[in-house]
């Protein structure tokens, strides 16, 4: 999986922490790097509101992927 360079491990980890301490449900588009709201933690390939591509993943899903890849 190719991930936009703006979607970093630090950025995703911060979003997961935020989700655990608030009502936020963050996700990220791996195509354009945009942050998305209202995304289930295990979401995969949701349509991005910014670029229209099916590249939005839940923050927890991406954290697992990035931790395994890194």
C-alpha atoms as a PDB file:
ATOM      1  CA  UNK A   1       0.000   0.000   0.000  1.00  0.00           C
ATOM      2  CA  UNK A   2       1.335   3.423  -0.974  1.00  0.00           C
ATOM      3  CA  UNK A   3       0.645   6.050   1.690  1.00  0.00           C
ATOM      4  CA  UNK A   4       0.795   9.819   1.141  1.00  0.00           C
ATOM      5  CA  UNK A   5       3.884  11.288   2.899  1.00  0.00           C
ATOM      6  CA  UNK A   6       1.681  13.591   5.031  1.00  0.00           C
ATOM      7  CA  UNK A   7       0.196  10.533   6.764  1.00  0.00           C
ATOM      8  CA  UNK A   8       2.957   9.930   9.304  1.00  0.00           C
ATOM      9  CA  UNK A   9       3.150   7.538  12.223  1.00  0.00           C
ATOM     10  CA  UNK A  10       3.236  10.484  14.655  1.00  0.00           C
ATOM     11  CA  UNK A  11       0.177  12.117  13.085  1.00  0.00           C
ATOM     12  CA  UNK A  12      -1.826   8.883  13.104  1.00  0.00           C
ATOM     13  CA  UNK A  13      -0.799   8.018  16.688  1.00  0.00           C
ATOM     14  CA  UNK A  14      -1.917  11.479  17.843  1.00  0.00           C
ATOM     15  CA  UNK A  15      -5.277  10.955  16.131  1.00  0.00           C
ATOM     16  CA  UNK A  16      -5.742   7.578  17.842  1.00  0.00           C
ATOM     17  CA  UNK A  17      -4.966   9.157  21.231  1.00  0.00           C
ATOM     18  CA  UNK A  18      -7.435  11.940  20.472  1.00  0.00           C
ATOM     19  CA  UNK A  19     -10.100   9.371  19.568  1.00  0.00           C
ATOM     20  CA  UNK A  20      -9.629   7.601  22.895  1.00  0.00           C
ATOM     21  CA  UNK A  21     -10.016  10.804  24.921  1.00  0.00           C
ATOM     22  CA  UNK A  22     -12.809  12.544  22.991  1.00  0.00           C
ATOM     23  CA  UNK A  23     -15.711  11.923  20.649  1.00  0.00           C
ATOM     24  CA  UNK A  24     -13.508  12.300  17.555  1.00  0.00           C
ATOM     25  CA  UNK A  25     -13.465   9.478  15.001  1.00  0.00           C
ATOM     26  CA  UNK A  26     -10.505  10.441  12.817  1.00  0.00           C
ATOM     27  CA  UNK A  27      -9.270   8.799   9.691  1.00  0.00           C
ATOM     28  CA  UNK A  28      -6.829   9.688   6.924  1.00  0.00           C
ATOM     29  CA  UNK A  29      -6.810   9.540   3.152  1.00  0.00           C
ATOM     30  CA  UNK A  30      -3.736   7.676   1.986  1.00  0.00           C
ATOM     31  CA  UNK A  31      -4.147   9.218  -1.487  1.00  0.00           C
ATOM     32  CA  UNK A  32      -4.094  12.941  -0.641  1.00  0.00           C
ATOM     33  CA  UNK A  33      -3.123  13.026   3.061  1.00  0.00           C
ATOM     34  CA  UNK A  34      -6.316  14.739   4.252  1.00  0.00           C
ATOM     35  CA  UNK A  35      -7.740  13.995   7.673  1.00  0.00           C
ATOM     36  CA  UNK A  36     -11.334  12.773   7.696  1.00  0.00           C
ATOM     37  CA  UNK A  37     -13.896  12.859  10.514  1.00  0.00           C
ATOM     38  CA  UNK A  38     -16.595  10.357  11.422  1.00  0.00           C
ATOM     39  CA  UNK A  39     -14.562   7.341  10.325  1.00  0.00           C
ATOM     40  CA  UNK A  40     -14.820   3.992  12.104  1.00  0.00           C
ATOM     41  CA  UNK A  41     -11.482   2.866  13.595  1.00  0.00           C
ATOM     42  CA  UNK A  42     -11.300  -0.166  11.270  1.00  0.00           C
ATOM     43  CA  UNK A  43     -12.504   1.617   8.112  1.00  0.00           C
ATOM     44  CA  UNK A  44     -10.837   0.787   4.798  1.00  0.00           C
ATOM     45  CA  UNK A  45     -11.180   2.390   1.382  1.00  0.00           C
ATOM     46  CA  UNK A  46     -13.886   4.922   2.227  1.00  0.00           C
ATOM     47  CA  UNK A  47     -14.382   7.712  -0.291  1.00  0.00           C
ATOM     48  CA  UNK A  48     -12.389  10.856   0.539  1.00  0.00           C
ATOM     49  CA  UNK A  49     -14.391  14.096   0.672  1.00  0.00           C
ATOM     50  CA  UNK A  50     -11.288  16.055  -0.406  1.00  0.00           C
ATOM     51  CA  UNK A  51     -10.073  14.110  -3.434  1.00  0.00           C
ATOM     52  CA  UNK A  52     -12.867  11.619  -4.167  1.00  0.00           C
ATOM     53  CA  UNK A  53     -10.577   8.595  -4.103  1.00  0.00           C
ATOM     54  CA  UNK A  54     -11.368   5.459  -2.064  1.00  0.00           C
ATOM     55  CA  UNK A  55      -8.404   6.062   0.230  1.00  0.00           C
ATOM     56  CA  UNK A  56      -9.794   6.853   3.684  1.00  0.00           C
ATOM     57  CA  UNK A  57      -8.754   4.484   6.450  1.00  0.00           C
ATOM     58  CA  UNK A  58      -9.570   4.638  10.148  1.00  0.00           C
ATOM     59  CA  UNK A  59      -6.772   5.976  12.333  1.00  0.00           C
ATOM     60  CA  UNK A  60      -6.468   2.732  14.319  1.00  0.00           C
ATOM     61  CA  UNK A  61      -6.358   0.669  11.119  1.00  0.00           C
ATOM     62  CA  UNK A  62      -3.564   2.861   9.766  1.00  0.00           C
ATOM     63  CA  UNK A  63      -1.680   2.807  13.066  1.00  0.00           C
ATOM     64  CA  UNK A  64      -1.581  -0.993  12.945  1.00  0.00           C
ATOM     65  CA  UNK A  65      -0.389  -0.955   9.341  1.00  0.00           C
ATOM     66  CA  UNK A  66       2.293   1.677   9.939  1.00  0.00           C
ATOM     67  CA  UNK A  67       3.551  -0.055  13.089  1.00  0.00           C
ATOM     68  CA  UNK A  68       3.879  -3.371  11.215  1.00  0.00           C
ATOM     69  CA  UNK A  69       5.510  -1.758   8.162  1.00  0.00           C
ATOM     70  CA  UNK A  70       7.953   0.375  10.145  1.00  0.00           C
END
